[in-house]
PDB file of all heavy atoms in Angstrom:
ATOM      1  N   VAL A   1       0.823  -1.203  -0.002  1.00  0.00           N
ATOM      2  CA  VAL A   1      -0.003  -0.011  -0.009  1.00  0.00           C
ATOM      3  C   VAL A   1       0.865   1.262   0.005  1.00  0.00           C
ATOM      4  O   VAL A   1       0.583   2.228  -0.709  1.00  0.00           O
ATOM      5  CB  VAL A   1      -0.963  -0.013   1.204  1.00  0.00           C
ATOM      6  CG1 VAL A   1      -1.640   1.334   1.382  1.00  0.00           C
ATOM      7  CG2 VAL A   1      -1.995  -1.100   1.023  1.00  0.00           C
ATOM      8  N   PHE A   2       1.936   1.214   0.782  1.00  0.00           N
ATOM      9  CA  PHE A   2       2.825   2.408   0.851  1.00  0.00           C
ATOM     10  C   PHE A   2       3.450   2.674  -0.523  1.00  0.00           C
ATOM     11  O   PHE A   2       3.485   3.846  -0.976  1.00  0.00           O
ATOM     12  CB  PHE A   2       3.946   2.144   1.853  1.00  0.00           C
ATOM     13  CG  PHE A   2       4.955   3.254   1.939  1.00  0.00           C
ATOM     14  CD1 PHE A   2       4.613   4.494   2.491  1.00  0.00           C
ATOM     15  CD2 PHE A   2       6.222   3.116   1.408  1.00  0.00           C
ATOM     16  CE1 PHE A   2       5.563   5.550   2.560  1.00  0.00           C
ATOM     17  CE2 PHE A   2       7.160   4.107   1.433  1.00  0.00           C
ATOM     18  CZ  PHE A   2       6.821   5.355   2.000  1.00  0.00           C
ATOM     19  N   ILE A   3       3.911   1.643  -1.195  1.00  0.00           N
ATOM     20  CA  ILE A   3       4.530   1.819  -2.531  1.00  0.00           C
ATOM     21  C   ILE A   3       3.564   2.222  -3.581  1.00  0.00           C
ATOM     22  O   ILE A   3       3.817   3.106  -4.400  1.00  0.00           O
ATOM     23  CB  ILE A   3       5.333   0.564  -2.920  1.00  0.00           C
ATOM     24  CG1 ILE A   3       6.477   0.298  -1.979  1.00  0.00           C
ATOM     25  CG2 ILE A   3       5.801   0.656  -4.350  1.00  0.00           C
ATOM     26  CD1 ILE A   3       7.206  -1.018  -2.217  1.00  0.00           C
ATOM     27  N   THR A   4       2.423   1.542  -3.612  1.00  0.00           N
ATOM     28  CA  THR A   4       1.467   1.734  -4.726  1.00  0.00           C
ATOM     29  C   THR A   4       0.460   2.860  -4.489  1.00  0.00           C
ATOM     30  O   THR A   4      -0.267   3.241  -5.423  1.00  0.00           O
ATOM     31  CB  THR A   4       0.679   0.460  -4.978  1.00  0.00           C
ATOM     32  OG1 THR A   4      -0.047   0.096  -3.800  1.00  0.00           O
ATOM     33  CG2 THR A   4       1.616  -0.705  -5.318  1.00  0.00           C
ATOM     34  N   SER A   5       0.379   3.383  -3.287  1.00  0.00           N
ATOM     35  CA  SER A   5      -0.620   4.423  -2.979  1.00  0.00           C
ATOM     36  C   SER A   5       0.007   5.671  -2.471  1.00  0.00           C
ATOM     37  O   SER A   5       0.065   6.724  -3.153  1.00  0.00           O
ATOM     38  CB  SER A   5      -1.689   3.865  -2.024  1.00  0.00           C
ATOM     39  OG  SER A   5      -2.646   4.825  -1.720  1.00  0.00           O
ATOM     40  N   GLU A   6       0.518   5.582  -1.231  1.00  0.00           N
ATOM     41  CA  GLU A   6       0.983   6.825  -0.574  1.00  0.00           C
ATOM     42  C   GLU A   6       2.257   7.388  -1.233  1.00  0.00           C
ATOM     43  O   GLU A   6       2.434   8.590  -1.353  1.00  0.00           O
ATOM     44  CB  GLU A   6       1.232   6.527   0.920  1.00  0.00           C
ATOM     45  CG  GLU A   6       0.056   5.892   1.635  1.00  0.00           C
ATOM     46  CD  GLU A   6      -1.258   6.656   1.446  1.00  0.00           C
ATOM     47  OE1 GLU A   6      -1.198   7.907   1.477  1.00  0.00           O
ATOM     48  OE2 GLU A   6      -2.266   6.027   1.182  1.00  0.00           O
ATOM     49  N   LEU A   7       3.171   6.498  -1.679  1.00  0.00           N
ATOM     50  CA  LEU A   7       4.397   6.969  -2.262  1.00  0.00           C
ATOM     51  C   LEU A   7       4.180   7.747  -3.537  1.00  0.00           C
ATOM     52  O   LEU A   7       4.909   8.680  -3.895  1.00  0.00           O
ATOM     53  CB  LEU A   7       5.334   5.799  -2.555  1.00  0.00           C
ATOM     54  CG  LEU A   7       6.813   6.125  -2.813  1.00  0.00           C
ATOM     55  CD1 LEU A   7       7.435   6.878  -1.617  1.00  0.00           C
ATOM     56  CD2 LEU A   7       7.578   4.854  -3.124  1.00  0.00           C
ATOM     57  N   LEU A   8       3.084   7.429  -4.264  1.00  0.00           N
ATOM     58  CA  LEU A   8       2.797   8.070  -5.515  1.00  0.00           C
ATOM     59  C   LEU A   8       2.338   9.527  -5.320  1.00  0.00           C
ATOM     60  O   LEU A   8       2.345  10.317  -6.260  1.00  0.00           O
ATOM     61  CB  LEU A   8       1.678   7.306  -6.269  1.00  0.00           C
ATOM     62  CG  LEU A   8       2.120   5.932  -6.819  1.00  0.00           C
ATOM     63  CD1 LEU A   8       0.955   5.201  -7.452  1.00  0.00           C
ATOM     64  CD2 LEU A   8       3.269   6.063  -7.801  1.00  0.00           C
ATOM     65  N   LEU A   9       1.954   9.884  -4.081  1.00  0.00           N
ATOM     66  CA  LEU A   9       1.580  11.275  -3.820  1.00  0.00           C
ATOM     67  C   LEU A   9       2.757  12.219  -3.998  1.00  0.00           C
ATOM     68  O   LEU A   9       2.603  13.372  -4.429  1.00  0.00           O
ATOM     69  CB  LEU A   9       1.084  11.398  -2.371  1.00  0.00           C
ATOM     70  CG  LEU A   9      -0.291  10.761  -2.059  1.00  0.00           C
ATOM     71  CD1 LEU A   9      -0.560  10.819  -0.585  1.00  0.00           C
ATOM     72  CD2 LEU A   9      -1.385  11.459  -2.821  1.00  0.00           C
ATOM     73  N   ILE A  10       3.976  11.713  -3.730  1.00  0.00           N
ATOM     74  CA  ILE A  10       5.158  12.543  -3.873  1.00  0.00           C
ATOM     75  C   ILE A  10       5.428  12.875  -5.322  1.00  0.00           C
ATOM     76  O   ILE A  10       5.895  13.979  -5.696  1.00  0.00           O
ATOM     77  CB  ILE A  10       6.384  11.870  -3.260  1.00  0.00           C
ATOM     78  CG1 ILE A  10       6.125  11.549  -1.782  1.00  0.00           C
ATOM     79  CG2 ILE A  10       7.647  12.666  -3.416  1.00  0.00           C
ATOM     80  CD1 ILE A  10       7.212  10.709  -1.127  1.00  0.00           C
ATOM     81  N   THR A  11       5.136  11.935  -6.249  1.00  0.00           N
ATOM     82  CA  THR A  11       5.455  12.124  -7.651  1.00  0.00           C
ATOM     83  C   THR A  11       4.312  12.772  -8.412  1.00  0.00           C
ATOM     84  O   THR A  11       4.419  13.049  -9.607  1.00  0.00           O
ATOM     85  CB  THR A  11       5.726  10.761  -8.282  1.00  0.00           C
ATOM     86  OG1 THR A  11       4.570   9.900  -8.168  1.00  0.00           O
ATOM     87  CG2 THR A  11       6.887  10.098  -7.618  1.00  0.00           C
ATOM     88  N   ASP A  12       3.191  13.058  -7.749  1.00  0.00           N
ATOM     89  CA  ASP A  12       2.026  13.676  -8.404  1.00  0.00           C
ATOM     90  C   ASP A  12       1.539  12.796  -9.577  1.00  0.00           C
ATOM     91  O   ASP A  12       1.375  13.271 -10.710  1.00  0.00           O
ATOM     92  CB  ASP A  12       2.362  15.091  -8.862  1.00  0.00           C
ATOM     93  CG  ASP A  12       1.044  15.896  -9.185  1.00  0.00           C
ATOM     94  OD1 ASP A  12      -0.027  15.431  -8.754  1.00  0.00           O
ATOM     95  OD2 ASP A  12       1.134  16.935  -9.832  1.00  0.00           O
ATOM     96  N   TYR A  13       1.401  11.525  -9.299  1.00  0.00           N
ATOM     97  CA  TYR A  13       0.869  10.569 -10.270  1.00  0.00           C
ATOM     98  C   TYR A  13      -0.476  11.056 -10.753  1.00  0.00           C
ATOM     99  O   TYR A  13      -1.307  11.428  -9.922  1.00  0.00           O
ATOM    100  CB  TYR A  13       0.763   9.190  -9.596  1.00  0.00           C
ATOM    101  CG  TYR A  13       0.403   8.073 -10.494  1.00  0.00           C
ATOM    102  CD1 TYR A  13       1.223   7.716 -11.571  1.00  0.00           C
ATOM    103  CD2 TYR A  13      -0.719   7.299 -10.244  1.00  0.00           C
ATOM    104  CE1 TYR A  13       0.888   6.637 -12.391  1.00  0.00           C
ATOM    105  CE2 TYR A  13      -1.042   6.217 -11.030  1.00  0.00           C
ATOM    106  CZ  TYR A  13      -0.259   5.896 -12.133  1.00  0.00           C
ATOM    107  OH  TYR A  13      -0.564   4.842 -12.940  1.00  0.00           O
ATOM    108  N   PRO A  14      -0.763  11.067 -12.081  1.00  0.00           N
ATOM    109  CA  PRO A  14      -1.987  11.683 -12.587  1.00  0.00           C
ATOM    110  C   PRO A  14      -3.268  11.201 -11.899  1.00  0.00           C
ATOM    111  O   PRO A  14      -4.142  12.031 -11.597  1.00  0.00           O
ATOM    112  CB  PRO A  14      -1.988  11.251 -14.073  1.00  0.00           C
ATOM    113  CG  PRO A  14      -0.535  11.105 -14.402  1.00  0.00           C
ATOM    114  CD  PRO A  14       0.119  10.595 -13.139  1.00  0.00           C
ATOM    115  N   MET A  15      -3.400   9.911 -11.679  1.00  0.00           N
ATOM    116  CA  MET A  15      -4.627   9.379 -11.066  1.00  0.00           C
ATOM    117  C   MET A  15      -4.812   9.941  -9.619  1.00  0.00           C
ATOM    118  O   MET A  15      -5.942   9.961  -9.131  1.00  0.00           O
ATOM    119  CB  MET A  15      -4.576   7.857 -11.021  1.00  0.00           C
ATOM    120  CG  MET A  15      -5.912   7.237 -10.698  1.00  0.00           C
ATOM    121  SD  MET A  15      -5.909   5.444 -10.953  1.00  0.00           S
ATOM    122  CE  MET A  15      -4.874   4.841  -9.654  1.00  0.00           C
ATOM    123  N   TYR A  16      -3.704  10.359  -8.999  1.00  0.00           N
ATOM    124  CA  TYR A  16      -3.788  10.847  -7.634  1.00  0.00           C
ATOM    125  C   TYR A  16      -3.721  12.362  -7.519  1.00  0.00           C
ATOM    126  O   TYR A  16      -3.564  12.909  -6.433  1.00  0.00           O
ATOM    127  CB  TYR A  16      -2.648  10.234  -6.784  1.00  0.00           C
ATOM    128  CG  TYR A  16      -2.832   8.764  -6.540  1.00  0.00           C
ATOM    129  CD1 TYR A  16      -2.241   7.812  -7.376  1.00  0.00           C
ATOM    130  CD2 TYR A  16      -3.552   8.279  -5.453  1.00  0.00           C
ATOM    131  CE1 TYR A  16      -2.355   6.474  -7.165  1.00  0.00           C
ATOM    132  CE2 TYR A  16      -3.707   6.933  -5.255  1.00  0.00           C
ATOM    133  CZ  TYR A  16      -3.114   6.034  -6.108  1.00  0.00           C
ATOM    134  OH  TYR A  16      -3.229   4.683  -5.890  1.00  0.00           O
ATOM    135  N   HIS A  17      -3.796  13.072  -8.671  1.00  0.00           N
ATOM    136  CA  HIS A  17      -3.570  14.502  -8.655  1.00  0.00           C
ATOM    137  C   HIS A  17      -4.579  15.223  -7.741  1.00  0.00           C
ATOM    138  O   HIS A  17      -4.150  16.036  -6.864  1.00  0.00           O
ATOM    139  CB  HIS A  17      -3.680  15.079 -10.060  1.00  0.00           C
ATOM    140  CG  HIS A  17      -3.436  16.558 -10.118  1.00  0.00           C
ATOM    141  ND1 HIS A  17      -2.194  17.129  -9.909  1.00  0.00           N
ATOM    142  CD2 HIS A  17      -4.287  17.610 -10.377  1.00  0.00           C
ATOM    143  CE1 HIS A  17      -2.276  18.421 -10.024  1.00  0.00           C
ATOM    144  NE2 HIS A  17      -3.527  18.761 -10.290  1.00  0.00           N
ATOM    145  N   ALA A  18      -5.872  14.955  -7.888  1.00  0.00           N
ATOM    146  CA  ALA A  18      -6.867  15.620  -7.041  1.00  0.00           C
ATOM    147  C   ALA A  18      -6.697  15.246  -5.567  1.00  0.00           C
ATOM    148  O   ALA A  18      -6.835  16.088  -4.694  1.00  0.00           O
ATOM    149  CB  ALA A  18      -8.272  15.231  -7.546  1.00  0.00           C
ATOM    150  N   TYR A  19      -6.369  13.978  -5.385  1.00  0.00           N
ATOM    151  CA  TYR A  19      -6.129  13.481  -4.020  1.00  0.00           C
ATOM    152  C   TYR A  19      -4.951  14.180  -3.355  1.00  0.00           C
ATOM    153  O   TYR A  19      -4.976  14.606  -2.229  1.00  0.00           O
ATOM    154  CB  TYR A  19      -5.918  11.986  -4.014  1.00  0.00           C
ATOM    155  CG  TYR A  19      -5.620  11.315  -2.726  1.00  0.00           C
ATOM    156  CD1 TYR A  19      -6.359  11.649  -1.560  1.00  0.00           C
ATOM    157  CD2 TYR A  19      -4.643  10.321  -2.594  1.00  0.00           C
ATOM    158  CE1 TYR A  19      -6.111  11.055  -0.350  1.00  0.00           C
ATOM    159  CE2 TYR A  19      -4.400   9.716  -1.407  1.00  0.00           C
ATOM    160  CZ  TYR A  19      -5.135  10.074  -0.273  1.00  0.00           C
ATOM    161  OH  TYR A  19      -4.867   9.482   0.933  1.00  0.00           O
ATOM    162  N   ARG A  20      -3.907  14.418  -4.174  1.00  0.00           N
ATOM    163  CA  ARG A  20      -2.694  15.070  -3.653  1.00  0.00           C
ATOM    164  C   ARG A  20      -3.010  16.530  -3.280  1.00  0.00           C
ATOM    165  O   ARG A  20      -2.547  16.983  -2.238  1.00  0.00           O
ATOM    166  CB  ARG A  20      -1.617  15.054  -4.718  1.00  0.00           C
ATOM    167  CG  ARG A  20      -0.274  15.637  -4.323  1.00  0.00           C
ATOM    168  CD  ARG A  20       0.764  15.357  -5.419  1.00  0.00           C
ATOM    169  NE  ARG A  20       2.068  15.820  -5.018  1.00  0.00           N
ATOM    170  CZ  ARG A  20       2.596  16.980  -5.329  1.00  0.00           C
ATOM    171  NH1 ARG A  20       1.890  17.851  -6.050  1.00  0.00           N
ATOM    172  NH2 ARG A  20       3.805  17.321  -4.920  1.00  0.00           N
ATOM    173  N   LEU A  21      -3.767  17.208  -4.104  1.00  0.00           N
ATOM    174  CA  LEU A  21      -4.170  18.606  -3.755  1.00  0.00           C
ATOM    175  C   LEU A  21      -5.007  18.641  -2.476  1.00  0.00           C
ATOM    176  O   LEU A  21      -4.846  19.550  -1.658  1.00  0.00           O
ATOM    177  CB  LEU A  21      -4.963  19.202  -4.949  1.00  0.00           C
ATOM    178  CG  LEU A  21      -4.159  19.412  -6.226  1.00  0.00           C
ATOM    179  CD1 LEU A  21      -5.079  19.973  -7.312  1.00  0.00           C
ATOM    180  CD2 LEU A  21      -2.985  20.342  -6.009  1.00  0.00           C
ATOM    181  N   GLN A  22      -5.880  17.635  -2.324  1.00  0.00           N
ATOM    182  CA  GLN A  22      -6.708  17.615  -1.129  1.00  0.00           C
ATOM    183  C   GLN A  22      -5.846  17.328   0.132  1.00  0.00           C
ATOM    184  O   GLN A  22      -6.055  17.888   1.205  1.00  0.00           O
ATOM    185  CB  GLN A  22      -7.759  16.522  -1.214  1.00  0.00           C
ATOM    186  CG  GLN A  22      -8.819  16.524  -0.153  1.00  0.00           C
ATOM    187  CD  GLN A  22      -9.641  17.792  -0.241  1.00  0.00           C
ATOM    188  OE1 GLN A  22     -10.335  18.051  -1.214  1.00  0.00           O
ATOM    189  NE2 GLN A  22      -9.618  18.573   0.848  1.00  0.00           N
ATOM    190  N   VAL A  23      -4.839  16.460   0.012  1.00  0.00           N
ATOM    191  CA  VAL A  23      -3.900  16.189   1.094  1.00  0.00           C
ATOM    192  C   VAL A  23      -3.183  17.425   1.531  1.00  0.00           C
ATOM    193  O   VAL A  23      -3.037  17.712   2.721  1.00  0.00           O
ATOM    194  CB  VAL A  23      -2.899  15.064   0.658  1.00  0.00           C
ATOM    195  CG1 VAL A  23      -1.747  15.012   1.635  1.00  0.00           C
ATOM    196  CG2 VAL A  23      -3.612  13.716   0.594  1.00  0.00           C
ATOM    197  N   ILE A  24      -2.706  18.215   0.572  1.00  0.00           N
ATOM    198  CA  ILE A  24      -1.984  19.439   0.897  1.00  0.00           C
ATOM    199  C   ILE A  24      -2.912  20.437   1.610  1.00  0.00           C
ATOM    200  O   ILE A  24      -2.537  21.071   2.584  1.00  0.00           O
ATOM    201  CB  ILE A  24      -1.428  20.105  -0.406  1.00  0.00           C
ATOM    202  CG1 ILE A  24      -0.388  19.196  -1.010  1.00  0.00           C
ATOM    203  CG2 ILE A  24      -0.875  21.486  -0.118  1.00  0.00           C
ATOM    204  CD1 ILE A  24       0.114  19.598  -2.381  1.00  0.00           C
ATOM    205  N   ALA A  25      -4.160  20.522   1.150  1.00  0.00           N
ATOM    206  CA  ALA A  25      -5.124  21.467   1.794  1.00  0.00           C
ATOM    207  C   ALA A  25      -5.469  21.047   3.208  1.00  0.00           C
ATOM    208  O   ALA A  25      -5.731  21.896   4.054  1.00  0.00           O
ATOM    209  CB  ALA A  25      -6.352  21.559   0.931  1.00  0.00           C
ATOM    210  N   ASP A  26      -5.469  19.748   3.462  1.00  0.00           N
ATOM    211  CA  ASP A  26      -5.912  19.224   4.761  1.00  0.00           C
ATOM    212  C   ASP A  26      -4.735  18.884   5.682  1.00  0.00           C
ATOM    213  O   ASP A  26      -4.921  18.222   6.681  1.00  0.00           O
ATOM    214  CB  ASP A  26      -6.738  17.989   4.579  1.00  0.00           C
ATOM    215  CG  ASP A  26      -8.114  18.221   3.905  1.00  0.00           C
ATOM    216  OD1 ASP A  26      -8.561  19.411   4.036  1.00  0.00           O
ATOM    217  OD2 ASP A  26      -8.627  17.306   3.298  1.00  0.00           O
ATOM    218  N   ARG A  27      -3.526  19.346   5.364  1.00  0.00           N
ATOM    219  CA  ARG A  27      -2.337  18.924   6.059  1.00  0.00           C
ATOM    220  C   ARG A  27      -2.381  19.227   7.561  1.00  0.00           C
ATOM    221  O   ARG A  27      -1.790  18.489   8.362  1.00  0.00           O
ATOM    222  CB  ARG A  27      -1.074  19.542   5.436  1.00  0.00           C
ATOM    223  CG  ARG A  27      -1.031  21.026   5.453  1.00  0.00           C
ATOM    224  CD  ARG A  27       0.168  21.509   4.678  1.00  0.00           C
ATOM    225  NE  ARG A  27       0.300  22.959   4.626  1.00  0.00           N
ATOM    226  CZ  ARG A  27      -0.345  23.755   3.798  1.00  0.00           C
ATOM    227  NH1 ARG A  27      -1.144  23.189   2.888  1.00  0.00           N
ATOM    228  NH2 ARG A  27      -0.187  25.046   3.789  1.00  0.00           N
ATOM    229  N   HIS A  28      -3.128  20.277   8.009  1.00  0.00           N
ATOM    230  CA  HIS A  28      -3.138  20.633   9.423  1.00  0.00           C
ATOM    231  C   HIS A  28      -3.851  19.560  10.257  1.00  0.00           C
ATOM    232  O   HIS A  28      -3.568  19.390  11.437  1.00  0.00           O
ATOM    233  CB  HIS A  28      -3.831  21.960   9.625  1.00  0.00           C
ATOM    234  CG  HIS A  28      -5.258  22.012   9.164  1.00  0.00           C
ATOM    235  ND1 HIS A  28      -5.611  21.934   7.805  1.00  0.00           N
ATOM    236  CD2 HIS A  28      -6.430  22.102   9.849  1.00  0.00           C
ATOM    237  CE1 HIS A  28      -6.890  21.986   7.704  1.00  0.00           C
ATOM    238  NE2 HIS A  28      -7.411  22.058   8.897  1.00  0.00           N
TER     239      HIS A  28
END
């Protein structure tokens, strides 16, 4: 899960782009 899901957030993988933006907004 770490390799195929969470790690891809760092690379801004296209399928996770919206998710990545939401993660940044909710970081607090």
